[in-house]
């Protein structure tokens, strides 16, 4: 089990790769955008996992 909230974050290189592949070439993305995307993805994964766990228990 993760001991710190930071343990739930997506790896920054994975997020950067996904963003790079999703946008047209030549588009630059700031570090703040990459950080926000990483945090959003982490929260979404935790939410989906919690919902799946609730359904499995029911």
PDB file of N, CA and C in Angstrom:
ATOM      1  N   UNK A   1       0.850  -1.179   0.000  1.00  0.00           N
ATOM      2  CA  UNK A   1       0.000   0.000   0.000  1.00  0.00           C
ATOM      3  C   UNK A   1       0.892   1.237   0.000  1.00  0.00           C
ATOM      4  N   UNK A   2       0.450   2.262  -0.692  1.00  0.00           N
ATOM      5  CA  UNK A   2       1.215   3.499  -0.760  1.00  0.00           C
ATOM      6  C   UNK A   2       1.174   4.210   0.588  1.00  0.00           C
ATOM      7  N   UNK A   3       2.313   4.739   0.966  1.00  0.00           N
ATOM      8  CA  UNK A   3       2.411   5.412   2.258  1.00  0.00           C
ATOM      9  C   UNK A   3       2.306   6.923   2.148  1.00  0.00           C
ATOM     10  N   UNK A   4       2.615   7.472   0.976  1.00  0.00           N
ATOM     11  CA  UNK A   4       2.566   8.915   0.775  1.00  0.00           C
ATOM     12  C   UNK A   4       1.651   9.222  -0.408  1.00  0.00           C
ATOM     13  N   UNK A   5       1.008  10.383  -0.411  1.00  0.00           N
ATOM     14  CA  UNK A   5       0.155  10.742  -1.560  1.00  0.00           C
ATOM     15  C   UNK A   5       0.929  10.770  -2.878  1.00  0.00           C
ATOM     16  N   UNK A   6       2.213  11.096  -2.818  1.00  0.00           N
ATOM     17  CA  UNK A   6       3.025  11.153  -4.028  1.00  0.00           C
ATOM     18  C   UNK A   6       3.182   9.783  -4.676  1.00  0.00           C
ATOM     19  N   UNK A   7       2.981   8.719  -3.899  1.00  0.00           N
ATOM     20  CA  UNK A   7       3.116   7.369  -4.435  1.00  0.00           C
ATOM     21  C   UNK A   7       2.023   7.046  -5.448  1.00  0.00           C
ATOM     22  N   UNK A   8       0.936   7.816  -5.448  1.00  0.00           N
ATOM     23  CA  UNK A   8      -0.161   7.574  -6.375  1.00  0.00           C
ATOM     24  C   UNK A   8       0.008   8.318  -7.694  1.00  0.00           C
ATOM     25  N   UNK A   9       1.004   9.176  -7.812  1.00  0.00           N
ATOM     26  CA  UNK A   9       1.190   9.967  -9.021  1.00  0.00           C
ATOM     27  C   UNK A   9       1.672   9.103 -10.175  1.00  0.00           C
ATOM     28  N   UNK A  10       1.233   9.485 -11.367  1.00  0.00           N
ATOM     29  CA  UNK A  10       1.697   8.818 -12.578  1.00  0.00           C
ATOM     30  C   UNK A  10       3.145   9.251 -12.828  1.00  0.00           C
ATOM     31  N   UNK A  11       3.960   8.377 -13.397  1.00  0.00           N
ATOM     32  CA  UNK A  11       5.333   8.772 -13.733  1.00  0.00           C
ATOM     33  C   UNK A  11       5.330   9.923 -14.745  1.00  0.00           C
ATOM     34  N   UNK A  12       6.142  10.915 -14.503  1.00  0.00           N
ATOM     35  CA  UNK A  12       6.128  12.116 -15.345  1.00  0.00           C
ATOM     36  C   UNK A  12       6.527  11.821 -16.787  1.00  0.00           C
ATOM     37  N   UNK A  13       7.440  10.878 -17.002  1.00  0.00           N
ATOM     38  CA  UNK A  13       7.842  10.568 -18.375  1.00  0.00           C
ATOM     39  C   UNK A  13       6.708   9.904 -19.155  1.00  0.00           C
ATOM     40  N   UNK A  14       5.876   9.122 -18.489  1.00  0.00           N
ATOM     41  CA  UNK A  14       4.727   8.493 -19.151  1.00  0.00           C
ATOM     42  C   UNK A  14       3.705   9.557 -19.538  1.00  0.00           C
ATOM     43  N   UNK A  15       3.436  10.478 -18.634  1.00  0.00           N
ATOM     44  CA  UNK A  15       2.484  11.558 -18.915  1.00  0.00           C
ATOM     45  C   UNK A  15       2.998  12.421 -20.064  1.00  0.00           C
ATOM     46  N   UNK A  16       4.268  12.752 -20.054  1.00  0.00           N
ATOM     47  CA  UNK A  16       4.850  13.569 -21.124  1.00  0.00           C
ATOM     48  C   UNK A  16       4.727  12.860 -22.473  1.00  0.00           C
ATOM     49  N   UNK A  17       4.937  11.560 -22.490  1.00  0.00           N
ATOM     50  CA  UNK A  17       4.836  10.789 -23.740  1.00  0.00           C
ATOM     51  C   UNK A  17       3.400  10.775 -24.251  1.00  0.00           C
ATOM     52  N   UNK A  18       2.438  10.571 -23.361  1.00  0.00           N
ATOM     53  CA  UNK A  18       1.025  10.561 -23.764  1.00  0.00           C
ATOM     54  C   UNK A  18       0.619  11.926 -24.316  1.00  0.00           C
ATOM     55  N   UNK A  19       1.029  12.992 -23.639  1.00  0.00           N
ATOM     56  CA  UNK A  19       0.702  14.343 -24.107  1.00  0.00           C
ATOM     57  C   UNK A  19       1.342  14.597 -25.464  1.00  0.00           C
ATOM     58  N   UNK A  20       2.600  14.227 -25.618  1.00  0.00           N
ATOM     59  CA  UNK A  20       3.319  14.457 -26.872  1.00  0.00           C
ATOM     60  C   UNK A  20       2.656  13.721 -28.029  1.00  0.00           C
ATOM     61  N   UNK A  21       2.223  12.480 -27.793  1.00  0.00           N
ATOM     62  CA  UNK A  21       1.600  11.687 -28.852  1.00  0.00           C
ATOM     63  C   UNK A  21       0.178  12.147 -29.160  1.00  0.00           C
ATOM     64  N   UNK A  22      -0.455  12.853 -28.238  1.00  0.00           N
ATOM     65  CA  UNK A  22      -1.842  13.281 -28.419  1.00  0.00           C
ATOM     66  C   UNK A  22      -1.971  14.616 -29.145  1.00  0.00           C
ATOM     67  N   UNK A  23      -0.933  15.426 -29.109  1.00  0.00           N
ATOM     68  CA  UNK A  23      -0.992  16.765 -29.687  1.00  0.00           C
ATOM     69  C   UNK A  23      -0.258  16.812 -31.023  1.00  0.00           C
ATOM     70  N   UNK A  24      -0.606  17.785 -31.874  1.00  0.00           N
ATOM     71  CA  UNK A  24       0.125  17.946 -33.129  1.00  0.00           C
ATOM     72  C   UNK A  24       1.594  18.282 -32.868  1.00  0.00           C
ATOM     73  N   UNK A  25       2.430  17.947 -33.821  1.00  0.00           N
ATOM     74  CA  UNK A  25       3.858  18.237 -33.652  1.00  0.00           C
ATOM     75  C   UNK A  25       4.073  19.749 -33.598  1.00  0.00           C
ATOM     76  N   UNK A  26       5.049  20.148 -32.818  1.00  0.00           N
ATOM     77  CA  UNK A  26       5.368  21.557 -32.680  1.00  0.00           C
ATOM     78  C   UNK A  26       4.638  22.255 -31.545  1.00  0.00           C
ATOM     79  N   UNK A  27       3.729  21.559 -30.882  1.00  0.00           N
ATOM     80  CA  UNK A  27       2.994  22.153 -29.764  1.00  0.00           C
ATOM     81  C   UNK A  27       3.795  21.921 -28.490  1.00  0.00           C
ATOM     82  N   UNK A  28       4.090  22.995 -27.787  1.00  0.00           N
ATOM     83  CA  UNK A  28       4.821  22.893 -26.528  1.00  0.00           C
ATOM     84  C   UNK A  28       3.848  22.980 -25.358  1.00  0.00           C
ATOM     85  N   UNK A  29       4.097  22.177 -24.339  1.00  0.00           N
ATOM     86  CA  UNK A  29       3.235  22.126 -23.165  1.00  0.00           C
ATOM     87  C   UNK A  29       4.083  22.465 -21.948  1.00  0.00           C
ATOM     88  N   UNK A  30       3.564  23.343 -21.106  1.00  0.00           N
ATOM     89  CA  UNK A  30       4.323  23.764 -19.927  1.00  0.00           C
ATOM     90  C   UNK A  30       4.351  22.666 -18.874  1.00  0.00           C
ATOM     91  N   UNK A  31       5.241  22.816 -17.934  1.00  0.00           N
ATOM     92  CA  UNK A  31       5.364  21.854 -16.835  1.00  0.00           C
ATOM     93  C   UNK A  31       4.105  21.845 -15.976  1.00  0.00           C
ATOM     94  N   UNK A  32       3.450  22.999 -15.848  1.00  0.00           N
ATOM     95  CA  UNK A  32       2.205  23.063 -15.075  1.00  0.00           C
ATOM     96  C   UNK A  32       1.112  22.215 -15.713  1.00  0.00           C
ATOM     97  N   UNK A  33       1.038  22.232 -17.030  1.00  0.00           N
ATOM     98  CA  UNK A  33       0.034  21.428 -17.737  1.00  0.00           C
ATOM     99  C   UNK A  33       0.333  19.947 -17.558  1.00  0.00           C
ATOM    100  N   UNK A  34       1.590  19.575 -17.674  1.00  0.00           N
ATOM    101  CA  UNK A  34       1.959  18.164 -17.473  1.00  0.00           C
ATOM    102  C   UNK A  34       1.645  17.726 -16.049  1.00  0.00           C
ATOM    103  N   UNK A  35       1.914  18.577 -15.091  1.00  0.00           N
ATOM    104  CA  UNK A  35       1.618  18.265 -13.697  1.00  0.00           C
ATOM    105  C   UNK A  35       0.113  18.117 -13.470  1.00  0.00           C
ATOM    106  N   UNK A  36      -0.668  19.017 -14.043  1.00  0.00           N
ATOM    107  CA  UNK A  36      -2.126  18.946 -13.900  1.00  0.00           C
ATOM    108  C   UNK A  36      -2.682  17.691 -14.563  1.00  0.00           C
ATOM    109  N   UNK A  37      -2.163  17.338 -15.726  1.00  0.00           N
ATOM    110  CA  UNK A  37      -2.615  16.124 -16.412  1.00  0.00           C
ATOM    111  C   UNK A  37      -2.263  14.886 -15.600  1.00  0.00           C
ATOM    112  N   UNK A  38      -1.087  14.873 -15.017  1.00  0.00           N
ATOM    113  CA  UNK A  38      -0.666  13.742 -14.192  1.00  0.00           C
ATOM    114  C   UNK A  38      -1.560  13.596 -12.976  1.00  0.00           C
ATOM    115  N   UNK A  39      -1.840  14.689 -12.319  1.00  0.00           N
ATOM    116  CA  UNK A  39      -2.697  14.648 -11.124  1.00  0.00           C
ATOM    117  C   UNK A  39      -4.118  14.232 -11.492  1.00  0.00           C
ATOM    118  N   UNK A  40      -4.632  14.765 -12.585  1.00  0.00           N
ATOM    119  CA  UNK A  40      -5.980  14.405 -13.032  1.00  0.00           C
ATOM    120  C   UNK A  40      -6.076  12.921 -13.363  1.00  0.00           C
ATOM    121  N   UNK A  41      -5.079  12.402 -14.050  1.00  0.00           N
ATOM    122  CA  UNK A  41      -5.074  10.977 -14.393  1.00  0.00           C
ATOM    123  C   UNK A  41      -5.004  10.119 -13.138  1.00  0.00           C
ATOM    124  N   UNK A  42      -4.207  10.522 -12.180  1.00  0.00           N
ATOM    125  CA  UNK A  42      -4.094   9.765 -10.927  1.00  0.00           C
ATOM    126  C   UNK A  42      -5.417   9.747 -10.171  1.00  0.00           C
ATOM    127  N   UNK A  43      -6.078  10.890 -10.102  1.00  0.00           N
ATOM    128  CA  UNK A  43      -7.369  10.964  -9.414  1.00  0.00           C
ATOM    129  C   UNK A  43      -8.404  10.111 -10.139  1.00  0.00           C
ATOM    130  N   UNK A  44      -8.406  10.155 -11.467  1.00  0.00           N
ATOM    131  CA  UNK A  44      -9.349   9.352 -12.242  1.00  0.00           C
ATOM    132  C   UNK A  44      -9.118   7.859 -12.009  1.00  0.00           C
ATOM    133  N   UNK A  45      -7.874   7.430 -12.005  1.00  0.00           N
ATOM    134  CA  UNK A  45      -7.559   6.017 -11.770  1.00  0.00           C
ATOM    135  C   UNK A  45      -8.011   5.592 -10.378  1.00  0.00           C
ATOM    136  N   UNK A  46      -7.773   6.426  -9.379  1.00  0.00           N
ATOM    137  CA  UNK A  46      -8.233   6.107  -8.025  1.00  0.00           C
ATOM    138  C   UNK A  46      -9.755   6.026  -7.960  1.00  0.00           C
ATOM    139  N   UNK A  47     -10.441   6.922  -8.651  1.00  0.00           N
ATOM    140  CA  UNK A  47     -11.905   6.911  -8.666  1.00  0.00           C
ATOM    141  C   UNK A  47     -12.437   5.636  -9.320  1.00  0.00           C
ATOM    142  N   UNK A  48     -11.891   5.281 -10.474  1.00  0.00           N
ATOM    143  CA  UNK A  48     -12.341   4.074 -11.173  1.00  0.00           C
ATOM    144  C   UNK A  48     -12.050   2.834 -10.340  1.00  0.00           C
ATOM    145  N   UNK A  49     -10.904   2.797  -9.692  1.00  0.00           N
ATOM    146  CA  UNK A  49     -10.558   1.665  -8.833  1.00  0.00           C
ATOM    147  C   UNK A  49     -11.521   1.553  -7.658  1.00  0.00           C
ATOM    148  N   UNK A  50     -11.864   2.682  -7.050  1.00  0.00           N
ATOM    149  CA  UNK A  50     -12.809   2.682  -5.931  1.00  0.00           C
ATOM    150  C   UNK A  50     -14.186   2.203  -6.378  1.00  0.00           C
ATOM    151  N   UNK A  51     -14.644   2.670  -7.535  1.00  0.00           N
ATOM    152  CA  UNK A  51     -15.941   2.226  -8.056  1.00  0.00           C
ATOM    153  C   UNK A  51     -15.932   0.731  -8.343  1.00  0.00           C
ATOM    154  N   UNK A  52     -14.871   0.235  -8.959  1.00  0.00           N
ATOM    155  CA  UNK A  52     -14.772  -1.193  -9.256  1.00  0.00           C
ATOM    156  C   UNK A  52     -14.763  -2.014  -7.976  1.00  0.00           C
ATOM    157  N   UNK A  53     -14.072  -1.530  -6.968  1.00  0.00           N
ATOM    158  CA  UNK A  53     -14.031  -2.230  -5.686  1.00  0.00           C
ATOM    159  C   UNK A  53     -15.416  -2.265  -5.043  1.00  0.00           C
ATOM    160  N   UNK A  54     -16.135  -1.164  -5.113  1.00  0.00           N
ATOM    161  CA  UNK A  54     -17.489  -1.110  -4.550  1.00  0.00           C
ATOM    162  C   UNK A  54     -18.421  -2.086  -5.258  1.00  0.00           C
ATOM    163  N   UNK A  55     -18.304  -2.171  -6.568  1.00  0.00           N
ATOM    164  CA  UNK A  55     -19.135  -3.099  -7.337  1.00  0.00           C
ATOM    165  C   UNK A  55     -18.768  -4.540  -7.008  1.00  0.00           C
ATOM    166  N   UNK A  56     -17.479  -4.814  -6.856  1.00  0.00           N
ATOM    167  CA  UNK A  56     -17.030  -6.175  -6.549  1.00  0.00           C
ATOM    168  C   UNK A  56     -17.507  -6.627  -5.175  1.00  0.00           C
ATOM    169  N   UNK A  57     -17.560  -5.708  -4.228  1.00  0.00           N
ATOM    170  CA  UNK A  57     -17.986  -6.052  -2.867  1.00  0.00           C
ATOM    171  C   UNK A  57     -19.501  -6.276  -2.817  1.00  0.00           C
ATOM    172  N   UNK A  58     -20.246  -5.510  -3.618  1.00  0.00           N
ATOM    173  CA  UNK A  58     -21.725  -5.584  -3.581  1.00  0.00           C
ATOM    174  C   UNK A  58     -22.267  -6.887  -4.104  1.00  0.00           C
TER     175      UNK A  58
END
